[in-house]
């Protein structure tokens, strides 16, 4: 086995450490030097893989969007919209708190980013979470499982219910995650009426 790590392995380690540190300290609260140290690299080694902190944030969020897309693809194998959204929301709550918190932090950091970086981050968020949920809801409407509503608006309503749990403090809910996920989905589909 090769003792040298591949460039891809190093890049992934940097992304993981950057995600952890950005969640813990915020985008503005962490320096590239600290990310390099956490990844076991020099600053020059870090800059070999990422042009600047924006480039690294985009890589962190692109990685997150890819994970969300995989979670959504797995959920789409469920037979009904309710089962799909249950699988997706449970999958979100099964993630490490730092992964869930990235959603909220990416929104908080948007004003600090350049226009091209904002576009990239918005695309990650849209492709990773908004588009898959909207597609599930739209398909449910087309199959007659859901009443005809604006699928995009329904997506934002569901995300609004999820959003508080993307906060770093609320993200540390541990073993109650599945129960909270189920309550959110039940409330979304059935409301709270007796």
N, C-alpha and C. Protein backbone atom coordinates (compact mmCIF):
# COMPACT_ATOMS: atom_id res chain seq x y z
N UNK A 1 0.85 -1.19 0.00
CA UNK A 1 0.00 0.00 0.00
C UNK A 1 0.89 1.25 0.00
N UNK A 2 0.53 2.21 -0.80
CA UNK A 2 1.30 3.44 -0.91
C UNK A 2 1.14 4.27 0.36
N UNK A 3 2.25 4.64 0.97
CA UNK A 3 2.20 5.41 2.22
C UNK A 3 1.86 6.87 1.95
N UNK A 4 2.11 7.31 0.75
CA UNK A 4 1.80 8.70 0.38
C UNK A 4 0.30 8.82 0.13
N UNK A 5 -0.28 9.87 0.66
CA UNK A 5 -1.70 10.09 0.40
C UNK A 5 -1.86 10.71 -0.98
N UNK A 6 -2.92 10.33 -1.64
CA UNK A 6 -3.19 10.93 -2.95
C UNK A 6 -3.65 12.37 -2.76
N UNK A 7 -3.54 13.12 -3.82
CA UNK A 7 -4.00 14.51 -3.80
C UNK A 7 -5.48 14.58 -3.43
N UNK A 8 -6.26 13.62 -3.92
CA UNK A 8 -7.70 13.60 -3.62
C UNK A 8 -7.94 13.34 -2.13
N UNK A 9 -7.17 12.44 -1.53
CA UNK A 9 -7.31 12.16 -0.10
C UNK A 9 -6.96 13.39 0.73
N UNK A 10 -5.91 14.08 0.34
CA UNK A 10 -5.51 15.30 1.06
C UNK A 10 -6.59 16.36 0.90
N UNK A 11 -7.07 16.53 -0.31
CA UNK A 11 -8.14 17.50 -0.56
C UNK A 11 -9.38 17.19 0.29
N UNK A 12 -9.76 15.91 0.35
CA UNK A 12 -10.93 15.53 1.15
C UNK A 12 -10.70 15.78 2.63
N UNK A 13 -9.47 15.54 3.11
CA UNK A 13 -9.15 15.81 4.51
C UNK A 13 -9.26 17.31 4.80
N UNK A 14 -8.78 18.12 3.88
CA UNK A 14 -8.89 19.58 4.04
C UNK A 14 -10.35 19.99 4.11
N UNK A 15 -11.17 19.46 3.20
CA UNK A 15 -12.60 19.80 3.17
C UNK A 15 -13.27 19.40 4.48
N UNK A 16 -12.97 18.20 4.97
CA UNK A 16 -13.57 17.75 6.23
C UNK A 16 -13.17 18.65 7.40
N UNK A 17 -11.90 18.99 7.48
CA UNK A 17 -11.43 19.85 8.57
C UNK A 17 -12.00 21.26 8.44
N UNK A 18 -12.06 21.77 7.22
CA UNK A 18 -12.62 23.10 7.01
C UNK A 18 -14.08 23.13 7.41
N UNK A 19 -14.85 22.10 7.04
CA UNK A 19 -16.27 22.05 7.41
C UNK A 19 -16.41 22.07 8.93
N UNK A 20 -15.63 21.25 9.61
CA UNK A 20 -15.70 21.17 11.06
C UNK A 20 -15.37 22.53 11.70
N UNK A 21 -14.32 23.18 11.22
CA UNK A 21 -13.90 24.46 11.80
C UNK A 21 -14.85 25.60 11.45
N UNK A 22 -15.37 25.60 10.24
CA UNK A 22 -16.32 26.65 9.85
C UNK A 22 -17.59 26.55 10.68
N UNK A 23 -18.06 25.33 10.92
CA UNK A 23 -19.24 25.15 11.77
C UNK A 23 -18.95 25.61 13.19
N UNK A 24 -17.79 25.27 13.70
CA UNK A 24 -17.44 25.61 15.09
C UNK A 24 -17.20 27.11 15.29
N UNK A 25 -16.55 27.76 14.32
CA UNK A 25 -16.11 29.14 14.53
C UNK A 25 -16.67 30.15 13.53
N UNK A 26 -17.38 29.69 12.52
CA UNK A 26 -17.89 30.59 11.49
C UNK A 26 -16.85 30.84 10.42
N UNK A 27 -17.30 31.24 9.27
CA UNK A 27 -16.42 31.49 8.13
C UNK A 27 -15.39 32.57 8.46
N UNK A 28 -15.85 33.66 9.07
CA UNK A 28 -14.94 34.76 9.41
C UNK A 28 -14.09 34.44 10.64
N UNK A 29 -14.49 33.45 11.44
CA UNK A 29 -13.80 33.14 12.68
C UNK A 29 -12.65 32.17 12.53
N UNK A 30 -12.39 31.73 11.32
CA UNK A 30 -11.33 30.74 11.11
C UNK A 30 -10.40 31.23 10.00
N UNK A 31 -9.12 31.04 10.20
CA UNK A 31 -8.12 31.46 9.21
C UNK A 31 -7.62 30.25 8.44
N UNK A 32 -7.11 30.49 7.24
CA UNK A 32 -6.56 29.41 6.42
C UNK A 32 -5.42 28.71 7.16
N UNK A 33 -4.65 29.44 7.93
CA UNK A 33 -3.56 28.84 8.69
C UNK A 33 -4.10 27.78 9.64
N UNK A 34 -5.22 28.08 10.31
CA UNK A 34 -5.81 27.14 11.26
C UNK A 34 -6.36 25.90 10.54
N UNK A 35 -6.93 26.10 9.37
CA UNK A 35 -7.41 24.98 8.58
C UNK A 35 -6.23 24.10 8.14
N UNK A 36 -5.16 24.75 7.70
CA UNK A 36 -3.96 24.01 7.28
C UNK A 36 -3.42 23.18 8.45
N UNK A 37 -3.33 23.78 9.63
CA UNK A 37 -2.82 23.07 10.80
C UNK A 37 -3.72 21.87 11.14
N UNK A 38 -5.04 22.08 11.11
CA UNK A 38 -5.97 21.00 11.44
C UNK A 38 -5.86 19.84 10.44
N UNK A 39 -5.54 20.17 9.20
CA UNK A 39 -5.40 19.14 8.16
C UNK A 39 -3.99 18.56 8.11
N UNK A 40 -3.11 19.07 8.97
CA UNK A 40 -1.73 18.57 9.01
C UNK A 40 -0.89 19.02 7.83
N UNK A 41 -1.15 20.23 7.36
CA UNK A 41 -0.44 20.77 6.20
C UNK A 41 0.16 22.13 6.53
N UNK A 42 1.07 22.56 5.67
CA UNK A 42 1.54 23.94 5.73
C UNK A 42 0.52 24.80 4.99
N UNK A 43 0.61 26.12 5.18
CA UNK A 43 -0.28 27.01 4.41
C UNK A 43 -0.04 26.83 2.92
N UNK A 44 1.22 26.68 2.53
CA UNK A 44 1.52 26.48 1.10
C UNK A 44 0.87 25.20 0.60
N UNK A 45 0.89 24.16 1.42
CA UNK A 45 0.23 22.89 1.04
C UNK A 45 -1.26 23.07 0.86
N UNK A 46 -1.86 23.87 1.74
CA UNK A 46 -3.30 24.15 1.64
C UNK A 46 -3.59 24.93 0.35
N UNK A 47 -2.77 25.96 0.09
CA UNK A 47 -2.99 26.78 -1.10
C UNK A 47 -2.67 26.03 -2.40
N UNK A 48 -1.98 24.93 -2.29
CA UNK A 48 -1.78 24.07 -3.47
C UNK A 48 -3.11 23.46 -3.92
N UNK A 49 -4.01 23.23 -2.97
CA UNK A 49 -5.29 22.59 -3.25
C UNK A 49 -6.44 23.59 -3.41
N UNK A 50 -6.35 24.73 -2.73
CA UNK A 50 -7.44 25.71 -2.76
C UNK A 50 -6.87 27.11 -2.94
N UNK A 51 -7.45 27.84 -3.87
CA UNK A 51 -6.98 29.18 -4.24
C UNK A 51 -7.08 30.15 -3.06
N UNK A 52 -8.21 30.10 -2.33
CA UNK A 52 -8.44 31.00 -1.20
C UNK A 52 -9.56 30.42 -0.34
N UNK A 53 -9.97 31.16 0.68
CA UNK A 53 -10.98 30.66 1.61
C UNK A 53 -12.34 30.51 0.94
N UNK A 54 -12.67 31.39 0.01
CA UNK A 54 -13.93 31.24 -0.73
C UNK A 54 -13.93 29.95 -1.53
N UNK A 55 -12.83 29.67 -2.19
CA UNK A 55 -12.70 28.45 -2.98
C UNK A 55 -12.90 27.23 -2.08
N UNK A 56 -12.33 27.28 -0.89
CA UNK A 56 -12.48 26.18 0.06
C UNK A 56 -13.93 26.07 0.55
N UNK A 57 -14.58 27.19 0.86
CA UNK A 57 -15.98 27.15 1.28
C UNK A 57 -16.85 26.55 0.18
N UNK A 58 -16.60 26.93 -1.06
CA UNK A 58 -17.37 26.36 -2.17
C UNK A 58 -17.14 24.86 -2.25
N UNK A 59 -15.91 24.40 -2.03
CA UNK A 59 -15.63 22.96 -2.05
C UNK A 59 -16.35 22.25 -0.92
N UNK A 60 -16.38 22.86 0.27
CA UNK A 60 -17.09 22.28 1.41
C UNK A 60 -18.57 22.14 1.07
N UNK A 61 -19.16 23.19 0.51
CA UNK A 61 -20.59 23.16 0.22
C UNK A 61 -20.91 22.29 -0.99
N UNK A 62 -20.00 22.20 -1.95
CA UNK A 62 -20.20 21.28 -3.08
C UNK A 62 -20.19 19.85 -2.58
N UNK A 63 -19.28 19.54 -1.67
CA UNK A 63 -19.23 18.22 -1.06
C UNK A 63 -20.55 17.93 -0.32
N UNK A 64 -21.03 18.94 0.43
CA UNK A 64 -22.30 18.81 1.14
C UNK A 64 -23.44 18.56 0.14
N UNK A 65 -23.47 19.31 -0.96
CA UNK A 65 -24.53 19.16 -1.96
C UNK A 65 -24.49 17.76 -2.58
N UNK A 66 -23.30 17.24 -2.81
CA UNK A 66 -23.18 15.87 -3.34
C UNK A 66 -23.74 14.85 -2.35
N UNK A 67 -23.47 15.05 -1.07
CA UNK A 67 -24.01 14.15 -0.04
C UNK A 67 -25.53 14.26 0.02
N UNK A 68 -26.06 15.46 -0.11
CA UNK A 68 -27.52 15.64 -0.11
C UNK A 68 -28.14 14.97 -1.34
N UNK A 69 -27.49 15.12 -2.48
CA UNK A 69 -28.00 14.49 -3.70
C UNK A 69 -28.05 12.97 -3.55
N UNK A 70 -27.03 12.40 -2.92
CA UNK A 70 -27.02 10.95 -2.69
C UNK A 70 -28.12 10.55 -1.72
N UNK A 71 -28.34 11.36 -0.69
CA UNK A 71 -29.40 11.10 0.27
C UNK A 71 -30.77 11.17 -0.42
N UNK A 72 -30.95 12.17 -1.27
CA UNK A 72 -32.21 12.32 -2.00
C UNK A 72 -32.41 11.17 -2.98
N UNK A 73 -31.35 10.76 -3.67
CA UNK A 73 -31.47 9.64 -4.62
C UNK A 73 -31.89 8.36 -3.90
N UNK A 74 -31.33 8.13 -2.72
CA UNK A 74 -31.72 6.95 -1.94
C UNK A 74 -33.19 7.06 -1.50
N UNK A 75 -33.61 8.26 -1.10
CA UNK A 75 -35.00 8.46 -0.66
C UNK A 75 -35.98 8.28 -1.81
N UNK A 76 -35.57 8.62 -3.02
CA UNK A 76 -36.48 8.52 -4.18
C UNK A 76 -36.87 7.08 -4.49
N UNK A 77 -36.17 6.10 -3.94
CA UNK A 77 -36.53 4.70 -4.17
C UNK A 77 -37.76 4.29 -3.36
N UNK A 78 -38.16 5.12 -2.40
CA UNK A 78 -39.35 4.83 -1.60
C UNK A 78 -40.61 4.96 -2.47
N UNK A 79 -41.67 4.22 -2.15
CA UNK A 79 -42.84 4.15 -3.04
C UNK A 79 -43.77 5.37 -3.04
N UNK A 80 -43.77 6.16 -1.97
CA UNK A 80 -44.68 7.31 -1.89
C UNK A 80 -43.91 8.57 -1.55
N UNK A 81 -44.53 9.70 -1.79
CA UNK A 81 -43.91 10.98 -1.46
C UNK A 81 -43.66 11.08 0.04
N UNK A 82 -44.63 10.65 0.82
CA UNK A 82 -44.46 10.71 2.27
C UNK A 82 -43.27 9.85 2.71
N UNK A 83 -43.16 8.66 2.17
CA UNK A 83 -42.05 7.78 2.51
C UNK A 83 -40.72 8.37 2.03
N UNK A 84 -40.73 9.00 0.87
CA UNK A 84 -39.51 9.63 0.34
C UNK A 84 -39.05 10.77 1.25
N UNK A 85 -40.00 11.64 1.60
CA UNK A 85 -39.62 12.77 2.45
C UNK A 85 -39.25 12.31 3.86
N UNK A 86 -39.89 11.26 4.34
CA UNK A 86 -39.50 10.71 5.65
C UNK A 86 -38.07 10.20 5.59
N UNK A 87 -37.74 9.45 4.55
CA UNK A 87 -36.38 8.93 4.40
C UNK A 87 -35.36 10.07 4.28
N UNK A 88 -35.71 11.10 3.53
CA UNK A 88 -34.80 12.24 3.35
C UNK A 88 -34.58 12.98 4.67
N UNK A 89 -35.67 13.29 5.37
CA UNK A 89 -35.55 14.04 6.62
C UNK A 89 -34.85 13.20 7.69
N UNK A 90 -35.17 11.91 7.76
CA UNK A 90 -34.45 11.04 8.70
C UNK A 90 -32.96 11.01 8.34
N UNK A 91 -32.66 10.97 7.06
CA UNK A 91 -31.27 10.99 6.62
C UNK A 91 -30.55 12.26 7.05
N UNK A 92 -31.25 13.38 6.96
CA UNK A 92 -30.66 14.65 7.41
C UNK A 92 -30.35 14.59 8.91
N UNK A 93 -31.30 14.06 9.68
CA UNK A 93 -31.10 14.00 11.13
C UNK A 93 -30.09 12.94 11.54
N UNK A 94 -29.80 12.00 10.66
CA UNK A 94 -28.78 10.99 10.95
C UNK A 94 -27.37 11.52 10.69
N UNK A 95 -27.28 12.65 10.01
CA UNK A 95 -25.96 13.23 9.73
C UNK A 95 -25.32 13.78 11.00
N UNK A 96 -24.02 13.92 10.91
CA UNK A 96 -23.29 14.57 12.00
C UNK A 96 -23.80 16.01 12.13
N UNK A 97 -23.83 16.54 13.35
CA UNK A 97 -24.33 17.91 13.53
C UNK A 97 -23.64 18.94 12.63
N UNK A 98 -22.35 18.78 12.41
CA UNK A 98 -21.62 19.74 11.57
C UNK A 98 -22.16 19.74 10.15
N UNK A 99 -22.55 18.59 9.63
CA UNK A 99 -23.08 18.53 8.27
C UNK A 99 -24.39 19.30 8.18
N UNK A 100 -25.29 19.09 9.15
CA UNK A 100 -26.57 19.81 9.12
C UNK A 100 -26.35 21.30 9.30
N UNK A 101 -25.43 21.66 10.17
CA UNK A 101 -25.19 23.08 10.45
C UNK A 101 -24.61 23.82 9.26
N UNK A 102 -24.00 23.11 8.33
CA UNK A 102 -23.46 23.77 7.13
C UNK A 102 -24.54 24.50 6.35
N UNK A 103 -25.75 24.00 6.35
CA UNK A 103 -26.85 24.65 5.62
C UNK A 103 -27.06 26.06 6.15
N UNK A 104 -27.17 26.17 7.44
CA UNK A 104 -27.43 27.48 8.05
C UNK A 104 -26.24 28.41 7.90
N UNK A 105 -25.04 27.88 8.12
CA UNK A 105 -23.85 28.71 8.04
C UNK A 105 -23.63 29.23 6.64
N UNK A 106 -23.95 28.41 5.64
CA UNK A 106 -23.75 28.88 4.27
C UNK A 106 -24.64 30.10 4.00
N UNK A 107 -25.84 30.11 4.56
CA UNK A 107 -26.74 31.26 4.38
C UNK A 107 -26.21 32.48 5.12
N UNK A 108 -25.67 32.28 6.33
CA UNK A 108 -25.16 33.40 7.10
C UNK A 108 -23.94 34.04 6.45
N UNK A 109 -23.14 33.24 5.77
CA UNK A 109 -21.90 33.73 5.19
C UNK A 109 -22.07 34.33 3.79
N UNK A 110 -23.24 34.18 3.21
CA UNK A 110 -23.47 34.64 1.84
C UNK A 110 -23.10 36.11 1.61
N UNK A 111 -23.48 37.04 2.48
CA UNK A 111 -23.16 38.44 2.20
C UNK A 111 -21.67 38.74 2.14
N UNK A 112 -20.84 37.90 2.76
CA UNK A 112 -19.41 38.13 2.80
C UNK A 112 -18.69 37.65 1.54
N UNK A 113 -19.40 36.90 0.71
CA UNK A 113 -18.76 36.26 -0.44
C UNK A 113 -18.85 37.13 -1.69
N UNK A 114 -17.94 36.89 -2.61
CA UNK A 114 -17.98 37.58 -3.91
C UNK A 114 -19.20 37.08 -4.68
N UNK A 115 -19.58 37.81 -5.70
CA UNK A 115 -20.76 37.43 -6.51
C UNK A 115 -20.60 36.03 -7.11
N UNK A 116 -19.47 35.70 -7.75
CA UNK A 116 -19.34 34.34 -8.29
C UNK A 116 -19.43 33.26 -7.21
N UNK A 117 -18.87 33.53 -6.04
CA UNK A 117 -18.94 32.56 -4.94
C UNK A 117 -20.37 32.41 -4.45
N UNK A 118 -21.11 33.53 -4.36
CA UNK A 118 -22.52 33.46 -3.94
C UNK A 118 -23.32 32.61 -4.91
N UNK A 119 -23.08 32.79 -6.19
CA UNK A 119 -23.79 32.00 -7.20
C UNK A 119 -23.48 30.51 -7.01
N UNK A 120 -22.22 30.18 -6.77
CA UNK A 120 -21.84 28.78 -6.55
C UNK A 120 -22.50 28.20 -5.31
N UNK A 121 -22.52 28.96 -4.23
CA UNK A 121 -23.12 28.50 -2.99
C UNK A 121 -24.63 28.32 -3.17
N UNK A 122 -25.28 29.28 -3.82
CA UNK A 122 -26.72 29.16 -4.07
C UNK A 122 -27.02 27.93 -4.93
N UNK A 123 -26.17 27.65 -5.91
CA UNK A 123 -26.35 26.47 -6.76
C UNK A 123 -26.21 25.19 -5.94
N UNK A 124 -25.23 25.16 -5.03
CA UNK A 124 -25.06 23.99 -4.16
C UNK A 124 -26.31 23.75 -3.32
N UNK A 125 -26.82 24.82 -2.72
CA UNK A 125 -28.01 24.72 -1.87
C UNK A 125 -29.21 24.28 -2.69
N UNK A 126 -29.37 24.89 -3.88
CA UNK A 126 -30.50 24.54 -4.73
C UNK A 126 -30.42 23.09 -5.20
N UNK A 127 -29.26 22.67 -5.68
CA UNK A 127 -29.10 21.31 -6.19
C UNK A 127 -29.10 20.27 -5.08
N UNK A 128 -28.57 20.64 -3.92
CA UNK A 128 -28.43 19.67 -2.85
C UNK A 128 -29.70 19.41 -2.06
N UNK A 129 -30.54 20.41 -1.92
CA UNK A 129 -31.70 20.26 -1.04
C UNK A 129 -33.01 20.73 -1.68
N UNK A 130 -33.02 21.91 -2.25
CA UNK A 130 -34.28 22.47 -2.75
C UNK A 130 -34.82 21.68 -3.94
N UNK A 131 -34.01 21.45 -4.94
CA UNK A 131 -34.48 20.75 -6.14
C UNK A 131 -34.97 19.34 -5.86
N UNK A 132 -34.24 18.53 -5.07
CA UNK A 132 -34.74 17.17 -4.81
C UNK A 132 -36.08 17.15 -4.06
N UNK A 133 -36.23 18.02 -3.06
CA UNK A 133 -37.49 18.06 -2.32
C UNK A 133 -38.62 18.53 -3.22
N UNK A 134 -38.36 19.56 -4.01
CA UNK A 134 -39.37 20.08 -4.93
C UNK A 134 -39.80 18.99 -5.92
N UNK A 135 -38.83 18.24 -6.43
CA UNK A 135 -39.15 17.16 -7.38
C UNK A 135 -40.01 16.08 -6.73
N UNK A 136 -39.71 15.73 -5.48
CA UNK A 136 -40.51 14.73 -4.78
C UNK A 136 -41.94 15.21 -4.58
N UNK A 137 -42.09 16.45 -4.17
CA UNK A 137 -43.42 17.01 -3.95
C UNK A 137 -44.17 17.11 -5.28
N UNK A 138 -43.51 17.58 -6.33
CA UNK A 138 -44.14 17.69 -7.65
C UNK A 138 -44.63 16.31 -8.12
N UNK A 139 -43.79 15.29 -7.97
CA UNK A 139 -44.17 13.94 -8.37
C UNK A 139 -45.35 13.44 -7.55
N UNK A 140 -45.38 13.77 -6.27
CA UNK A 140 -46.50 13.38 -5.41
C UNK A 140 -47.80 14.03 -5.85
N UNK A 141 -47.73 15.27 -6.29
CA UNK A 141 -48.91 15.97 -6.82
C UNK A 141 -49.37 15.28 -8.09
N UNK A 142 -48.42 14.99 -8.98
CA UNK A 142 -48.76 14.35 -10.25
C UNK A 142 -49.36 12.96 -10.05
N UNK A 143 -48.93 12.23 -9.02
CA UNK A 143 -49.48 10.89 -8.72
C UNK A 143 -50.79 10.97 -7.96
N UNK A 144 -51.21 12.17 -7.57
CA UNK A 144 -52.45 12.34 -6.83
C UNK A 144 -52.31 12.07 -5.34
N UNK A 145 -51.10 11.96 -4.83
CA UNK A 145 -50.88 11.73 -3.40
C UNK A 145 -51.05 13.02 -2.60
N UNK A 146 -50.78 14.14 -3.24
CA UNK A 146 -50.86 15.44 -2.58
C UNK A 146 -51.82 16.33 -3.36
N UNK A 147 -52.43 17.24 -2.64
CA UNK A 147 -53.31 18.17 -3.34
C UNK A 147 -52.46 19.13 -4.16
N UNK A 148 -53.04 19.72 -5.19
CA UNK A 148 -52.25 20.61 -6.05
C UNK A 148 -51.89 21.91 -5.33
N UNK A 149 -50.64 22.02 -5.00
CA UNK A 149 -50.09 23.23 -4.39
C UNK A 149 -48.84 23.59 -5.19
N UNK A 150 -48.31 24.73 -4.92
CA UNK A 150 -47.04 25.13 -5.54
C UNK A 150 -45.93 24.28 -4.91
N UNK A 151 -45.29 23.38 -5.66
CA UNK A 151 -44.28 22.50 -5.07
C UNK A 151 -43.10 23.26 -4.48
N UNK A 152 -42.74 24.37 -5.11
CA UNK A 152 -41.62 25.16 -4.60
C UNK A 152 -41.96 25.78 -3.24
N UNK A 153 -43.18 26.32 -3.13
CA UNK A 153 -43.63 26.89 -1.87
C UNK A 153 -43.71 25.82 -0.79
N UNK A 154 -44.23 24.64 -1.14
CA UNK A 154 -44.31 23.54 -0.18
C UNK A 154 -42.91 23.13 0.27
N UNK A 155 -41.96 23.16 -0.63
CA UNK A 155 -40.57 22.84 -0.27
C UNK A 155 -40.06 23.82 0.77
N UNK A 156 -40.31 25.10 0.55
CA UNK A 156 -39.83 26.11 1.50
C UNK A 156 -40.53 25.99 2.84
N UNK A 157 -41.80 25.56 2.84
CA UNK A 157 -42.49 25.33 4.12
C UNK A 157 -41.82 24.20 4.89
N UNK A 158 -41.50 23.11 4.20
CA UNK A 158 -40.80 22.00 4.86
C UNK A 158 -39.43 22.44 5.35
N UNK A 159 -38.70 23.16 4.51
CA UNK A 159 -37.37 23.64 4.93
C UNK A 159 -37.48 24.59 6.13
N UNK A 160 -38.54 25.37 6.16
CA UNK A 160 -38.76 26.26 7.31
C UNK A 160 -38.93 25.48 8.60
N UNK A 161 -39.55 24.31 8.51
CA UNK A 161 -39.69 23.46 9.70
C UNK A 161 -38.35 22.84 10.09
N UNK A 162 -37.53 22.55 9.10
CA UNK A 162 -36.23 21.92 9.35
C UNK A 162 -35.17 22.92 9.81
N UNK A 163 -35.28 24.16 9.35
CA UNK A 163 -34.21 25.15 9.52
C UNK A 163 -33.72 25.32 10.96
N UNK A 164 -34.60 25.37 11.97
CA UNK A 164 -34.08 25.53 13.34
C UNK A 164 -33.12 24.41 13.75
N UNK A 165 -33.29 23.23 13.18
CA UNK A 165 -32.45 22.10 13.54
C UNK A 165 -31.14 22.09 12.77
N UNK A 166 -30.94 23.08 11.89
CA UNK A 166 -29.67 23.24 11.21
C UNK A 166 -28.73 24.14 12.01
N UNK A 167 -29.23 24.74 13.08
CA UNK A 167 -28.40 25.57 13.94
C UNK A 167 -27.45 24.67 14.71
N UNK A 168 -26.24 25.13 14.94
CA UNK A 168 -25.23 24.27 15.57
C UNK A 168 -25.68 23.75 16.93
N UNK A 169 -26.39 24.55 17.71
CA UNK A 169 -26.84 24.08 19.03
C UNK A 169 -27.96 23.06 18.89
N UNK A 170 -28.94 23.35 18.04
CA UNK A 170 -30.05 22.42 17.85
C UNK A 170 -29.62 21.17 17.10
N UNK A 171 -28.53 21.27 16.35
CA UNK A 171 -28.07 20.13 15.56
C UNK A 171 -27.55 19.01 16.44
N UNK A 172 -27.29 19.29 17.72
CA UNK A 172 -26.73 18.28 18.62
C UNK A 172 -27.84 17.50 19.34
N UNK A 173 -28.85 17.07 18.61
CA UNK A 173 -30.00 16.44 19.24
C UNK A 173 -29.81 14.95 19.48
N UNK A 174 -28.78 14.36 18.87
CA UNK A 174 -28.44 12.97 19.13
C UNK A 174 -29.52 11.97 18.77
N UNK A 175 -29.83 11.10 19.73
CA UNK A 175 -30.71 9.96 19.45
C UNK A 175 -32.16 10.34 19.19
N UNK A 176 -32.57 11.54 19.50
CA UNK A 176 -33.95 11.97 19.24
C UNK A 176 -34.17 12.35 17.79
N UNK A 177 -33.15 12.28 16.97
CA UNK A 177 -33.25 12.73 15.59
C UNK A 177 -34.36 12.09 14.80
N UNK A 178 -34.50 10.77 14.89
CA UNK A 178 -35.53 10.10 14.11
C UNK A 178 -36.93 10.51 14.58
N UNK A 179 -37.12 10.66 15.88
CA UNK A 179 -38.43 11.09 16.40
C UNK A 179 -38.75 12.51 15.94
N UNK A 180 -37.76 13.38 15.96
CA UNK A 180 -37.98 14.75 15.50
C UNK A 180 -38.26 14.76 14.00
N UNK A 181 -37.51 13.97 13.25
CA UNK A 181 -37.75 13.88 11.80
C UNK A 181 -39.17 13.42 11.54
N UNK A 182 -39.62 12.40 12.25
CA UNK A 182 -40.98 11.88 12.05
C UNK A 182 -42.04 12.91 12.42
N UNK A 183 -41.81 13.66 13.50
CA UNK A 183 -42.76 14.70 13.90
C UNK A 183 -42.84 15.80 12.84
N UNK A 184 -41.71 16.18 12.29
CA UNK A 184 -41.71 17.21 11.25
C UNK A 184 -42.49 16.72 10.03
N UNK A 185 -42.23 15.50 9.58
CA UNK A 185 -42.94 14.97 8.40
C UNK A 185 -44.43 14.83 8.69
N UNK A 186 -44.77 14.33 9.88
CA UNK A 186 -46.19 14.18 10.24
C UNK A 186 -46.87 15.54 10.26
N UNK A 187 -46.22 16.52 10.85
CA UNK A 187 -46.80 17.88 10.90
C UNK A 187 -46.94 18.45 9.49
N UNK A 188 -45.95 18.22 8.65
CA UNK A 188 -45.99 18.71 7.28
C UNK A 188 -47.17 18.10 6.51
N UNK A 189 -47.37 16.80 6.65
CA UNK A 189 -48.43 16.11 5.90
C UNK A 189 -49.80 16.21 6.57
N UNK A 190 -49.85 16.13 7.89
CA UNK A 190 -51.14 16.01 8.58
C UNK A 190 -51.52 17.20 9.44
N UNK A 191 -50.63 18.09 9.68
CA UNK A 191 -50.89 19.18 10.60
C UNK A 191 -50.88 18.67 12.03
N UNK A 192 -51.30 19.48 12.94
CA UNK A 192 -51.31 19.09 14.36
C UNK A 192 -52.72 18.90 14.91
N UNK A 193 -53.70 19.02 14.05
CA UNK A 193 -55.09 18.88 14.52
C UNK A 193 -55.34 17.45 14.99
N UNK A 194 -56.24 17.31 15.98
CA UNK A 194 -56.63 15.97 16.48
C UNK A 194 -57.41 15.24 15.41
